[in-house]
Amino acid sequence: SAAENQTRPGSELEGANPKETIIILKGRLLHSEEVAVSLRADLTKVKNDCLELQGARAGLQQRLKEQEGTLSGLKSEVMKFELEKEKMTSEIETLKRQLGSS
C-alpha cells in the first residue's frame, strides 16, 4: 500500500514495477556519474590552482630573500657612510680650531 511505501527504507527508489525501478536507478546512477565527473574536474582545477599558487609563493619568497639581502647591504653602507661623515665632521672641527688658534 502507499502507506507502507512511505515507511519502508528505500521505498522512494521503487517504481510501480521492477522495470520502473531499474529506470529510476539508472537515472540516478547517470546523475551520480555526471556529478562525479564534475567534481573530478573541479578537483583537478583546484589542484592546478594550488600548484600555481605554490609556485608563485616560492617565487615571492625567493624575491623577498634577495630584497632582504639587498636591504641588509644598503643598511651596512649607510652605517659606513655615517661613520665616515662623523669622522669628517670631527676632522673639520679640529681644522677650524687649529685655524682659529693660529
Protein backbone atom coordinates (compact mmCIF):
# COMPACT_ATOMS: atom_id res chain seq x y z
CA SER A 1 0.00 0.00 0.00
CA ALA A 2 1.02 3.65 -0.30
CA ALA A 3 1.37 3.99 3.47
CA GLU A 4 3.78 1.06 3.57
CA ASN A 5 5.91 2.57 0.77
CA GLN A 6 6.27 5.78 2.79
CA THR A 7 7.61 3.98 5.86
CA ARG A 8 9.87 1.37 4.26
CA PRO A 9 13.50 2.41 3.79
CA GLY A 10 14.42 2.80 0.13
CA SER A 11 10.79 2.97 -0.95
CA GLU A 12 11.45 6.24 -2.80
CA LEU A 13 13.67 4.22 -5.18
CA GLU A 14 10.92 1.80 -6.12
CA GLY A 15 8.75 2.25 -9.17
CA ALA A 16 5.40 0.59 -9.76
CA ASN A 17 7.26 -2.44 -11.13
CA PRO A 18 10.84 -3.71 -11.47
CA LYS A 19 11.28 -2.05 -14.90
CA GLU A 20 10.40 1.35 -13.47
CA THR A 21 12.72 0.73 -10.53
CA ILE A 22 15.56 -0.07 -12.95
CA ILE A 23 14.85 3.09 -14.96
CA ILE A 24 14.84 5.19 -11.78
CA LEU A 25 18.08 3.61 -10.55
CA LYS A 26 19.77 4.05 -13.96
CA GLY A 27 18.75 7.71 -13.97
CA ARG A 28 20.17 8.24 -10.51
CA LEU A 29 23.35 6.37 -11.43
CA LEU A 30 23.78 8.53 -14.53
CA HIS A 31 23.23 11.67 -12.47
CA SER A 32 25.73 10.47 -9.84
CA GLU A 33 28.30 9.76 -12.56
CA GLU A 34 27.80 13.25 -14.02
CA VAL A 35 28.25 14.78 -10.57
CA ALA A 36 31.40 12.68 -10.04
CA VAL A 37 32.85 13.83 -13.39
CA SER A 38 32.09 17.44 -12.50
CA LEU A 39 33.65 17.06 -9.05
CA ARG A 40 36.77 15.43 -10.54
CA ALA A 41 37.10 18.36 -12.95
CA ASP A 42 36.72 20.80 -10.06
CA LEU A 43 39.31 18.87 -8.05
CA THR A 44 41.76 18.94 -10.95
CA LYS A 45 41.26 22.69 -11.34
CA VAL A 46 41.78 23.28 -7.62
CA LYS A 47 44.93 21.12 -7.63
CA ASN A 48 46.29 23.11 -10.58
CA ASP A 49 45.43 26.37 -8.84
CA CYS A 50 47.26 25.15 -5.73
CA LEU A 51 50.33 24.25 -7.78
CA GLU A 52 50.30 27.69 -9.40
CA LEU A 53 49.95 29.38 -6.02
CA GLN A 54 52.79 27.30 -4.56
CA GLY A 55 54.99 28.31 -7.48
CA ALA A 56 54.08 31.97 -7.07
CA ARG A 57 54.71 31.72 -3.33
CA ALA A 58 58.13 30.15 -3.88
CA GLY A 59 58.99 32.89 -6.37
CA LEU A 60 57.87 35.62 -3.98
CA GLN A 61 59.82 34.05 -1.11
CA GLN A 62 62.96 33.98 -3.26
CA ARG A 63 62.41 37.59 -4.30
CA LEU A 64 61.87 38.62 -0.67
CA LYS A 65 65.09 36.84 0.34
CA GLU A 66 67.00 38.70 -2.39
CA GLN A 67 65.48 42.03 -1.38
CA GLU A 68 66.30 41.40 2.29
CA GLY A 69 69.90 40.74 1.27
CA THR A 70 69.99 43.96 -0.75
CA LEU A 71 68.42 45.89 2.13
CA SER A 72 70.96 44.49 4.56
CA GLY A 73 73.79 45.57 2.25
CA LEU A 74 72.31 49.06 1.91
CA LYS A 75 71.94 49.41 5.69
CA SER A 76 75.57 48.41 6.07
CA GLU A 77 76.60 51.05 3.52
CA VAL A 78 74.53 53.72 5.29
CA MET A 79 76.24 52.91 8.59
CA LYS A 80 79.65 53.08 6.90
CA PHE A 81 78.85 56.48 5.38
CA GLU A 82 77.50 57.77 8.70
CA LEU A 83 80.77 56.79 10.39
CA GLU A 84 82.75 58.48 7.61
CA LYS A 85 80.58 61.61 7.98
CA GLU A 86 81.20 61.69 11.74
CA LYS A 87 84.93 61.28 11.14
CA MET A 88 84.99 64.10 8.56
CA THR A 89 82.89 66.36 10.79
CA SER A 90 85.35 65.76 13.61
CA GLU A 91 88.31 66.50 11.30
CA ILE A 92 86.64 69.73 10.11
CA GLU A 93 86.09 70.85 13.72
CA THR A 94 89.74 70.05 14.51
CA LEU A 95 90.91 72.05 11.48
CA LYS A 96 88.65 75.00 12.44
CA ARG A 97 90.14 75.03 15.95
CA GLN A 98 93.64 74.89 14.54
CA LEU A 99 92.88 77.81 12.19
CA GLY A 100 91.29 79.78 14.98
CA SER A 101 94.23 79.30 17.34
CA SER A 102 96.88 80.35 14.85
